Amino acid sequence: MTATVGDARPAGPGRTRLHEAALRLFANHGVNGTSLQMIADEMGVTKAAVYHHYRTKEELVVGVVTPFLDRVSEVLEHARTRRGRRAQVETVLEGLVDLVVDARRMYVVTAVDPVIAHLHEHHPRMREVGGEMRELLAGPDADPGRRVAVAFFLSGVIGPLADPTCGDVDDDALRAMVMDVGRQLLLPRRASRG
């Protein structure tokens, strides 16, 4: 990805280091509790070096979240190519669970931080991706029960990722357990004919 939020500077190792440092601090202190100076100190650079990449902290936050959004968008694109609702939901479920387990810290930050929650409401791309995901999972003209199941899953997937008592669960086991719960909520068994 060469274009970035707010400027035309290409992404590179410096920006990657900046995102990693910012994410570590966001996870520990929240976005509001993390200053650009703290990020610069974490990296061992001047604050001007941070400003070289992003003009504002909001642009930096969007820059940190954008790779996650890109991966979610890829999952949604793949799901749209599948035939049938169950296949689409299964594809979104598998892709999202893989993504959140692989990026535990990133997902926890993007799901619970109030600044990022505010951006979800006001940043066009975040709002668009979230809406597309809900639409694919719930389906057209979803009834209240379906919408609640989707909301429950999307907000609940964070639980075992953020809970320190689940920190020792390895990725494969966590992935299988979250998939099982997701299937129960989003792909209930069809009633047997009898």
C-alpha atoms as a PDB file:
ATOM      1  CA  MET A   1       0.000   0.000   0.000  1.00  0.00           C
ATOM      2  CA  THR A   2       1.633   3.231  -1.050  1.00  0.00           C
ATOM      3  CA  ALA A   3      -0.955   5.884  -0.327  1.00  0.00           C
ATOM      4  CA  THR A   4      -1.562   6.867   3.248  1.00  0.00           C
ATOM      5  CA  VAL A   5      -4.092   8.804   5.212  1.00  0.00           C
ATOM      6  CA  GLY A   6      -3.530  12.525   4.995  1.00  0.00           C
ATOM      7  CA  ASP A   7      -0.426  12.553   2.809  1.00  0.00           C
ATOM      8  CA  ALA A   8       1.300  10.951  -0.144  1.00  0.00           C
ATOM      9  CA  ARG A   9       4.390   9.614   1.603  1.00  0.00           C
ATOM     10  CA  PRO A  10       4.914   5.924   0.864  1.00  0.00           C
ATOM     11  CA  ALA A  11       4.665   3.353   3.618  1.00  0.00           C
ATOM     12  CA  GLY A  12       7.985   1.911   4.690  1.00  0.00           C
ATOM     13  CA  PRO A  13       9.906   0.447   7.625  1.00  0.00           C
ATOM     14  CA  GLY A  14       9.732   3.717   9.582  1.00  0.00           C
ATOM     15  CA  ARG A  15       5.974   3.872   9.306  1.00  0.00           C
ATOM     16  CA  THR A  16       5.699   0.190  10.249  1.00  0.00           C
ATOM     17  CA  ARG A  17       7.793   0.830  13.377  1.00  0.00           C
ATOM     18  CA  LEU A  18       5.623   3.865  14.144  1.00  0.00           C
ATOM     19  CA  HIS A  19       2.424   1.790  13.864  1.00  0.00           C
ATOM     20  CA  GLU A  20       3.864  -0.959  16.074  1.00  0.00           C
ATOM     21  CA  ALA A  21       4.965   1.523  18.759  1.00  0.00           C
ATOM     22  CA  ALA A  22       1.622   3.336  18.647  1.00  0.00           C
ATOM     23  CA  LEU A  23      -0.299   0.069  18.898  1.00  0.00           C
ATOM     24  CA  ARG A  24       1.726  -1.059  21.927  1.00  0.00           C
ATOM     25  CA  LEU A  25       1.030   2.226  23.681  1.00  0.00           C
ATOM     26  CA  PHE A  26      -2.649   2.312  22.638  1.00  0.00           C
ATOM     27  CA  ALA A  27      -3.055  -1.198  24.077  1.00  0.00           C
ATOM     28  CA  ASN A  28      -1.460  -0.135  27.383  1.00  0.00           C
ATOM     29  CA  HIS A  29      -2.756   3.427  27.780  1.00  0.00           C
ATOM     30  CA  GLY A  30      -5.658   3.797  25.338  1.00  0.00           C
ATOM     31  CA  VAL A  31      -5.612   6.227  22.443  1.00  0.00           C
ATOM     32  CA  ASN A  32      -6.519   9.212  24.644  1.00  0.00           C
ATOM     33  CA  GLY A  33      -3.821   8.276  27.159  1.00  0.00           C
ATOM     34  CA  THR A  34      -1.134   8.091  24.484  1.00  0.00           C
ATOM     35  CA  SER A  35       0.508  11.275  23.256  1.00  0.00           C
ATOM     36  CA  LEU A  36       2.533  11.699  20.100  1.00  0.00           C
ATOM     37  CA  GLN A  37       5.496  12.496  22.371  1.00  0.00           C
ATOM     38  CA  MET A  38       5.059   9.125  24.123  1.00  0.00           C
ATOM     39  CA  ILE A  39       5.107   7.402  20.737  1.00  0.00           C
ATOM     40  CA  ALA A  40       8.234   9.314  19.705  1.00  0.00           C
ATOM     41  CA  ASP A  41       9.915   8.397  23.002  1.00  0.00           C
ATOM     42  CA  GLU A  42       8.952   4.729  22.548  1.00  0.00           C
ATOM     43  CA  MET A  43      10.606   4.784  19.122  1.00  0.00           C
ATOM     44  CA  GLY A  44      13.621   6.812  20.240  1.00  0.00           C
ATOM     45  CA  VAL A  45      12.911   9.598  17.736  1.00  0.00           C
ATOM     46  CA  THR A  46      11.747  13.187  17.899  1.00  0.00           C
ATOM     47  CA  LYS A  47       8.102  14.184  17.773  1.00  0.00           C
ATOM     48  CA  ALA A  48       8.899  15.854  14.448  1.00  0.00           C
ATOM     49  CA  ALA A  49       9.715  12.402  13.062  1.00  0.00           C
ATOM     50  CA  VAL A  50       6.190  11.276  13.976  1.00  0.00           C
ATOM     51  CA  TYR A  51       4.758  14.398  12.338  1.00  0.00           C
ATOM     52  CA  HIS A  52       6.747  13.505   9.221  1.00  0.00           C
ATOM     53  CA  HIS A  53       4.356  10.556   8.791  1.00  0.00           C
ATOM     54  CA  TYR A  54       1.085  11.975  10.173  1.00  0.00           C
ATOM     55  CA  ARG A  55      -0.098  15.519  10.792  1.00  0.00           C
ATOM     56  CA  THR A  56      -2.523  14.583  13.587  1.00  0.00           C
ATOM     57  CA  LYS A  57      -3.059  11.812  16.093  1.00  0.00           C
ATOM     58  CA  GLU A  58      -6.376  10.963  14.405  1.00  0.00           C
ATOM     59  CA  GLU A  59      -4.534  10.392  11.112  1.00  0.00           C
ATOM     60  CA  LEU A  60      -2.071   8.158  12.969  1.00  0.00           C
ATOM     61  CA  VAL A  61      -4.921   6.148  14.531  1.00  0.00           C
ATOM     62  CA  VAL A  62      -6.526   5.689  11.125  1.00  0.00           C
ATOM     63  CA  GLY A  63      -3.122   4.694   9.730  1.00  0.00           C
ATOM     64  CA  VAL A  64      -2.705   2.059  12.457  1.00  0.00           C
ATOM     65  CA  VAL A  65      -6.207   0.652  11.858  1.00  0.00           C
ATOM     66  CA  THR A  66      -6.121   0.740   8.041  1.00  0.00           C
ATOM     67  CA  PRO A  67      -4.239  -2.571   7.528  1.00  0.00           C
ATOM     68  CA  PHE A  68      -6.828  -4.284   9.747  1.00  0.00           C
ATOM     69  CA  LEU A  69      -9.646  -2.688   7.720  1.00  0.00           C
ATOM     70  CA  ASP A  70      -7.961  -3.787   4.501  1.00  0.00           C
ATOM     71  CA  ARG A  71      -7.891  -7.387   5.699  1.00  0.00           C
ATOM     72  CA  VAL A  72     -11.549  -7.248   6.782  1.00  0.00           C
ATOM     73  CA  SER A  73     -12.428  -5.825   3.358  1.00  0.00           C
ATOM     74  CA  GLU A  74     -10.637  -8.743   1.679  1.00  0.00           C
ATOM     75  CA  VAL A  75     -12.676 -11.198   3.781  1.00  0.00           C
ATOM     76  CA  LEU A  76     -15.907  -9.427   2.804  1.00  0.00           C
ATOM     77  CA  GLU A  77     -14.965  -9.385  -0.887  1.00  0.00           C
ATOM     78  CA  HIS A  78     -14.274 -13.115  -0.774  1.00  0.00           C
ATOM     79  CA  ALA A  79     -17.573 -13.771   1.015  1.00  0.00           C
ATOM     80  CA  ARG A  80     -19.536 -11.871  -1.629  1.00  0.00           C
ATOM     81  CA  THR A  81     -18.229 -14.291  -4.280  1.00  0.00           C
ATOM     82  CA  ARG A  82     -19.750 -17.274  -2.457  1.00  0.00           C
ATOM     83  CA  ARG A  83     -23.141 -18.617  -3.445  1.00  0.00           C
ATOM     84  CA  GLY A  84     -25.780 -18.802  -0.766  1.00  0.00           C
ATOM     85  CA  ARG A  85     -26.211 -17.078   2.555  1.00  0.00           C
ATOM     86  CA  ARG A  86     -24.761 -19.870   4.695  1.00  0.00           C
ATOM     87  CA  ALA A  87     -21.599 -19.981   2.567  1.00  0.00           C
ATOM     88  CA  GLN A  88     -21.238 -16.194   2.798  1.00  0.00           C
ATOM     89  CA  VAL A  89     -21.728 -16.165   6.578  1.00  0.00           C
ATOM     90  CA  GLU A  90     -19.301 -19.085   7.011  1.00  0.00           C
ATOM     91  CA  THR A  91     -16.697 -17.256   4.912  1.00  0.00           C
ATOM     92  CA  VAL A  92     -17.042 -14.026   6.920  1.00  0.00           C
ATOM     93  CA  LEU A  93     -16.995 -15.973  10.176  1.00  0.00           C
ATOM     94  CA  GLU A  94     -13.853 -17.937   9.266  1.00  0.00           C
ATOM     95  CA  GLY A  95     -12.056 -14.887   7.890  1.00  0.00           C
ATOM     96  CA  LEU A  96     -12.941 -12.653  10.815  1.00  0.00           C
ATOM     97  CA  VAL A  97     -12.019 -15.250  13.442  1.00  0.00           C
ATOM     98  CA  ASP A  98      -8.686 -15.906  11.719  1.00  0.00           C
ATOM     99  CA  LEU A  99      -8.030 -12.183  11.559  1.00  0.00           C
ATOM    100  CA  VAL A 100      -8.885 -11.408  15.178  1.00  0.00           C
ATOM    101  CA  VAL A 101      -6.952 -14.372  16.549  1.00  0.00           C
ATOM    102  CA  ASP A 102      -3.908 -13.520  14.406  1.00  0.00           C
ATOM    103  CA  ALA A 103      -4.103  -9.870  15.438  1.00  0.00           C
ATOM    104  CA  ARG A 104      -5.331 -10.231  19.035  1.00  0.00           C
ATOM    105  CA  ARG A 105      -3.863  -6.987  20.325  1.00  0.00           C
ATOM    106  CA  MET A 106      -4.984  -4.980  17.289  1.00  0.00           C
ATOM    107  CA  TYR A 107      -8.538  -6.293  17.472  1.00  0.00           C
ATOM    108  CA  VAL A 108      -8.846  -5.585  21.175  1.00  0.00           C
ATOM    109  CA  VAL A 109      -7.671  -2.009  20.650  1.00  0.00           C
ATOM    110  CA  THR A 110      -9.934  -1.442  17.636  1.00  0.00           C
ATOM    111  CA  ALA A 111     -12.944  -2.979  19.340  1.00  0.00           C
ATOM    112  CA  VAL A 112     -12.892  -1.337  22.764  1.00  0.00           C
ATOM    113  CA  ASP A 113     -11.032   1.970  22.630  1.00  0.00           C
ATOM    114  CA  PRO A 114     -13.541   4.864  22.816  1.00  0.00           C
ATOM    115  CA  VAL A 115     -11.576   7.031  20.372  1.00  0.00           C
ATOM    116  CA  ILE A 116     -11.633   4.273  17.776  1.00  0.00           C
ATOM    117  CA  ALA A 117     -15.311   3.599  18.533  1.00  0.00           C
ATOM    118  CA  HIS A 118     -15.934   7.288  17.777  1.00  0.00           C
ATOM    119  CA  LEU A 119     -13.995   6.922  14.521  1.00  0.00           C
ATOM    120  CA  HIS A 120     -16.141   3.879  13.625  1.00  0.00           C
ATOM    121  CA  GLU A 121     -19.150   6.179  13.733  1.00  0.00           C
ATOM    122  CA  HIS A 122     -17.587   9.115  11.874  1.00  0.00           C
ATOM    123  CA  HIS A 123     -14.854   7.803   9.585  1.00  0.00           C
ATOM    124  CA  PRO A 124     -16.446   6.851   6.242  1.00  0.00           C
ATOM    125  CA  ARG A 125     -14.341   3.761   5.533  1.00  0.00           C
ATOM    126  CA  MET A 126     -14.696   2.330   9.038  1.00  0.00           C
ATOM    127  CA  ARG A 127     -18.449   2.893   8.945  1.00  0.00           C
ATOM    128  CA  GLU A 128     -18.669   1.331   5.478  1.00  0.00           C
ATOM    129  CA  VAL A 129     -16.678  -1.802   6.365  1.00  0.00           C
ATOM    130  CA  GLY A 130     -18.628  -2.295   9.602  1.00  0.00           C
ATOM    131  CA  GLY A 131     -21.923  -1.899   7.774  1.00  0.00           C
ATOM    132  CA  GLU A 132     -20.917  -4.356   5.045  1.00  0.00           C
ATOM    133  CA  MET A 133     -19.850  -6.922   7.636  1.00  0.00           C
ATOM    134  CA  ARG A 134     -23.122  -6.627   9.546  1.00  0.00           C
ATOM    135  CA  GLU A 135     -25.132  -6.832   6.327  1.00  0.00           C
ATOM    136  CA  LEU A 136     -23.334  -9.976   5.157  1.00  0.00           C
ATOM    137  CA  LEU A 137     -23.706 -11.652   8.556  1.00  0.00           C
ATOM    138  CA  ALA A 138     -27.325 -10.632   9.196  1.00  0.00           C
ATOM    139  CA  GLY A 139     -28.629 -10.781   5.647  1.00  0.00           C
ATOM    140  CA  PRO A 140     -31.122  -8.524   3.949  1.00  0.00           C
ATOM    141  CA  ASP A 141     -34.176  -7.547   5.978  1.00  0.00           C
ATOM    142  CA  ALA A 142     -32.803  -9.238   9.107  1.00  0.00           C
ATOM    143  CA  ASP A 143     -35.273  -9.652  11.942  1.00  0.00           C
ATOM    144  CA  PRO A 144     -34.402  -8.325  15.419  1.00  0.00           C
ATOM    145  CA  GLY A 145     -33.230 -11.751  16.629  1.00  0.00           C
ATOM    146  CA  ARG A 146     -30.761 -12.027  13.769  1.00  0.00           C
ATOM    147  CA  ARG A 147     -29.457  -8.485  14.290  1.00  0.00           C
ATOM    148  CA  VAL A 148     -28.988  -9.183  18.015  1.00  0.00           C
ATOM    149  CA  ALA A 149     -27.117 -12.442  17.244  1.00  0.00           C
ATOM    150  CA  VAL A 150     -24.754 -10.570  14.905  1.00  0.00           C
ATOM    151  CA  ALA A 151     -24.201  -7.767  17.428  1.00  0.00           C
ATOM    152  CA  PHE A 152     -23.655 -10.330  20.186  1.00  0.00           C
ATOM    153  CA  PHE A 153     -21.047 -12.176  18.145  1.00  0.00           C
ATOM    154  CA  LEU A 154     -19.197  -9.056  16.968  1.00  0.00           C
ATOM    155  CA  SER A 155     -19.052  -7.566  20.455  1.00  0.00           C
ATOM    156  CA  GLY A 156     -18.545 -10.937  22.152  1.00  0.00           C
ATOM    157  CA  VAL A 157     -15.611 -12.094  20.041  1.00  0.00           C
ATOM    158  CA  ILE A 158     -13.513  -9.634  22.000  1.00  0.00           C
ATOM    159  CA  GLY A 159     -14.182 -11.382  25.326  1.00  0.00           C
ATOM    160  CA  PRO A 160     -11.649 -14.208  25.196  1.00  0.00           C
ATOM    161  CA  LEU A 161      -9.161 -11.988  23.377  1.00  0.00           C
ATOM    162  CA  ALA A 162      -9.166  -9.313  26.058  1.00  0.00           C
ATOM    163  CA  ASP A 163      -9.685 -11.508  29.116  1.00  0.00           C
ATOM    164  CA  PRO A 164      -6.349 -12.273  30.825  1.00  0.00           C
ATOM    165  CA  THR A 165      -7.685 -15.627  32.031  1.00  0.00           C
ATOM    166  CA  CYS A 166      -7.768 -16.737  28.381  1.00  0.00           C
ATOM    167  CA  GLY A 167      -4.263 -15.493  27.601  1.00  0.00           C
ATOM    168  CA  ASP A 168      -2.798 -18.990  27.845  1.00  0.00           C
ATOM    169  CA  VAL A 169      -5.190 -20.455  25.252  1.00  0.00           C
ATOM    170  CA  ASP A 170      -3.144 -21.148  22.125  1.00  0.00           C
ATOM    171  CA  ASP A 171      -4.249 -19.684  18.810  1.00  0.00           C
ATOM    172  CA  ASP A 172      -5.520 -22.940  17.279  1.00  0.00           C
ATOM    173  CA  ALA A 173      -7.676 -23.812  20.283  1.00  0.00           C
ATOM    174  CA  LEU A 174      -8.968 -20.247  20.553  1.00  0.00           C
ATOM    175  CA  ARG A 175      -9.776 -20.179  16.842  1.00  0.00           C
ATOM    176  CA  ALA A 176     -11.736 -23.464  17.100  1.00  0.00           C
ATOM    177  CA  MET A 177     -13.677 -22.341  20.182  1.00  0.00           C
ATOM    178  CA  VAL A 178     -14.591 -18.922  18.786  1.00  0.00           C
ATOM    179  CA  MET A 179     -15.621 -20.535  15.479  1.00  0.00           C
ATOM    180  CA  ASP A 180     -17.854 -22.972  17.340  1.00  0.00           C
ATOM    181  CA  VAL A 181     -19.607 -20.187  19.249  1.00  0.00           C
ATOM    182  CA  GLY A 182     -19.872 -18.108  16.085  1.00  0.00           C
ATOM    183  CA  ARG A 183     -21.486 -20.980  14.201  1.00  0.00           C
ATOM    184  CA  GLN A 184     -23.967 -21.533  17.019  1.00  0.00           C
ATOM    185  CA  LEU A 185     -24.975 -17.865  16.931  1.00  0.00           C
ATOM    186  CA  LEU A 186     -24.781 -17.152  13.214  1.00  0.00           C
ATOM    187  CA  LEU A 187     -25.369 -20.527  11.548  1.00  0.00           C
ATOM    188  CA  PRO A 188     -27.971 -22.270  13.675  1.00  0.00           C
ATOM    189  CA  ARG A 189     -28.841 -25.785  12.587  1.00  0.00           C
ATOM    190  CA  ARG A 190     -31.811 -25.999  10.315  1.00  0.00           C
ATOM    191  CA  ALA A 191     -34.859 -27.592  11.852  1.00  0.00           C
ATOM    192  CA  SER A 192     -35.225 -31.166  10.689  1.00  0.00           C
ATOM    193  CA  ARG A 193     -38.276 -32.056   8.717  1.00  0.00           C
ATOM    194  CA  GLY A 194     -40.304 -34.674  10.377  1.00  0.00           C
END
